[in-house]
Amino acid sequence: MVGAGAGKSRSNAWAWPVGILVGLAIGIPSFGSKGGVAFGVALGIAFAIAFGATGKRSEGGKADGDRSEGGADGPHRG
């Protein structure tokens, strides 16, 4: 059996390449070749963090390991 949230999460992996390409397009003309590449990588990381591509989260915004509303063991009361 696959994890409880299988099929419900959306991938935000597009944020990495989009951020890097936008960063390169802005950074290379502004800062030159070395500085532009560094700017592109930094902007790619910023996009990935901003759009949630770094963590595994479901559409509800909770991490996969969070079972506060129930999970494989049922609801947790306490």
C-alpha atoms as a PDB file:
ATOM      1  CA  MET A   1       0.000   0.000   0.000  1.00  0.00           C
ATOM      2  CA  VAL A   2       1.267   3.453  -0.883  1.00  0.00           C
ATOM      3  CA  GLY A   3       1.321   6.323   1.657  1.00  0.00           C
ATOM      4  CA  ALA A   4      -1.902   7.822   2.982  1.00  0.00           C
ATOM      5  CA  GLY A   5      -1.645  11.026   0.935  1.00  0.00           C
ATOM      6  CA  ALA A   6      -0.664   9.379  -2.344  1.00  0.00           C
ATOM      7  CA  GLY A   7      -2.061  11.174  -5.362  1.00  0.00           C
ATOM      8  CA  LYS A   8      -3.207  14.227  -3.427  1.00  0.00           C
ATOM      9  CA  SER A   9      -0.027  16.288  -3.397  1.00  0.00           C
ATOM     10  CA  ARG A  10       0.949  18.609  -6.221  1.00  0.00           C
ATOM     11  CA  SER A  11       4.532  18.935  -7.301  1.00  0.00           C
ATOM     12  CA  ASN A  12       6.085  22.365  -7.247  1.00  0.00           C
ATOM     13  CA  ALA A  13       9.306  21.164  -8.837  1.00  0.00           C
ATOM     14  CA  TRP A  14       8.772  23.661 -11.652  1.00  0.00           C
ATOM     15  CA  ALA A  15       9.960  26.426  -9.293  1.00  0.00           C
ATOM     16  CA  TRP A  16      13.621  25.316  -9.517  1.00  0.00           C
ATOM     17  CA  PRO A  17      14.162  25.639 -13.284  1.00  0.00           C
ATOM     18  CA  VAL A  18      11.909  28.680 -13.632  1.00  0.00           C
ATOM     19  CA  GLY A  19      13.735  30.531 -10.874  1.00  0.00           C
ATOM     20  CA  ILE A  20      17.146  29.647 -12.268  1.00  0.00           C
ATOM     21  CA  LEU A  21      16.222  30.659 -15.827  1.00  0.00           C
ATOM     22  CA  VAL A  22      14.705  33.960 -14.712  1.00  0.00           C
ATOM     23  CA  GLY A  23      17.752  34.577 -12.530  1.00  0.00           C
ATOM     24  CA  LEU A  24      20.110  33.870 -15.425  1.00  0.00           C
ATOM     25  CA  ALA A  25      18.124  36.096 -17.770  1.00  0.00           C
ATOM     26  CA  ILE A  26      18.358  38.984 -15.310  1.00  0.00           C
ATOM     27  CA  GLY A  27      21.729  38.234 -13.711  1.00  0.00           C
ATOM     28  CA  ILE A  28      24.015  37.645 -16.698  1.00  0.00           C
ATOM     29  CA  PRO A  29      23.362  41.022 -18.369  1.00  0.00           C
ATOM     30  CA  SER A  30      23.508  42.777 -14.995  1.00  0.00           C
ATOM     31  CA  PHE A  31      26.436  41.061 -13.237  1.00  0.00           C
ATOM     32  CA  GLY A  32      28.415  39.316 -15.995  1.00  0.00           C
ATOM     33  CA  SER A  33      28.958  35.587 -16.416  1.00  0.00           C
ATOM     34  CA  LYS A  34      30.092  34.484 -12.941  1.00  0.00           C
ATOM     35  CA  GLY A  35      27.927  36.869 -10.971  1.00  0.00           C
ATOM     36  CA  GLY A  36      24.946  36.160 -13.223  1.00  0.00           C
ATOM     37  CA  VAL A  37      25.169  32.415 -12.671  1.00  0.00           C
ATOM     38  CA  ALA A  38      25.416  32.932  -8.919  1.00  0.00           C
ATOM     39  CA  PHE A  39      22.420  35.271  -9.063  1.00  0.00           C
ATOM     40  CA  GLY A  40      20.484  32.695 -11.122  1.00  0.00           C
ATOM     41  CA  VAL A  41      21.147  29.896  -8.650  1.00  0.00           C
ATOM     42  CA  ALA A  42      20.226  32.139  -5.718  1.00  0.00           C
ATOM     43  CA  LEU A  43      16.976  33.175  -7.391  1.00  0.00           C
ATOM     44  CA  GLY A  44      16.203  29.524  -8.190  1.00  0.00           C
ATOM     45  CA  ILE A  45      16.595  28.629  -4.529  1.00  0.00           C
ATOM     46  CA  ALA A  46      14.418  31.583  -3.522  1.00  0.00           C
ATOM     47  CA  PHE A  47      11.679  30.501  -5.966  1.00  0.00           C
ATOM     48  CA  ALA A  48      11.846  26.916  -4.700  1.00  0.00           C
ATOM     49  CA  ILE A  49      11.528  27.992  -1.079  1.00  0.00           C
ATOM     50  CA  ALA A  50       8.764  30.495  -1.822  1.00  0.00           C
ATOM     51  CA  PHE A  51       6.661  28.040  -3.800  1.00  0.00           C
ATOM     52  CA  GLY A  52       7.243  25.056  -1.506  1.00  0.00           C
ATOM     53  CA  ALA A  53       9.318  22.840  -3.775  1.00  0.00           C
ATOM     54  CA  THR A  54      11.702  21.943  -0.953  1.00  0.00           C
ATOM     55  CA  GLY A  55       9.325  20.086   1.390  1.00  0.00           C
ATOM     56  CA  LYS A  56       6.801  17.344   0.901  1.00  0.00           C
ATOM     57  CA  ARG A  57       3.499  18.951   1.752  1.00  0.00           C
ATOM     58  CA  SER A  58      -0.014  18.071   0.777  1.00  0.00           C
ATOM     59  CA  GLU A  59      -2.525  20.584  -0.590  1.00  0.00           C
ATOM     60  CA  GLY A  60      -3.762  21.172   2.954  1.00  0.00           C
ATOM     61  CA  GLY A  61      -0.388  22.620   3.889  1.00  0.00           C
ATOM     62  CA  LYS A  62       0.569  20.013   6.479  1.00  0.00           C
ATOM     63  CA  ALA A  63       3.681  17.910   6.231  1.00  0.00           C
ATOM     64  CA  ASP A  64       3.217  14.229   5.346  1.00  0.00           C
ATOM     65  CA  GLY A  65       4.347  13.100   8.789  1.00  0.00           C
ATOM     66  CA  ASP A  66       1.776  15.252  10.617  1.00  0.00           C
ATOM     67  CA  ARG A  67      -0.969  12.965  11.895  1.00  0.00           C
ATOM     68  CA  SER A  68      -2.826  15.420  14.122  1.00  0.00           C
ATOM     69  CA  GLU A  69      -6.110  14.874  12.256  1.00  0.00           C
ATOM     70  CA  GLY A  70      -5.709  11.140  11.957  1.00  0.00           C
ATOM     71  CA  GLY A  71      -3.769   8.880   9.721  1.00  0.00           C
ATOM     72  CA  ALA A  72      -3.010   5.202   9.477  1.00  0.00           C
ATOM     73  CA  ASP A  73      -3.705   4.812  13.231  1.00  0.00           C
ATOM     74  CA  GLY A  74      -6.993   6.728  13.167  1.00  0.00           C
ATOM     75  CA  PRO A  75      -7.734  10.037  14.886  1.00  0.00           C
ATOM     76  CA  HIS A  76      -5.509  11.015  17.780  1.00  0.00           C
ATOM     77  CA  ARG A  77      -7.329  12.234  20.832  1.00  0.00           C
ATOM     78  CA  GLY A  78      -5.797  13.750  23.823  1.00  0.00           C
END
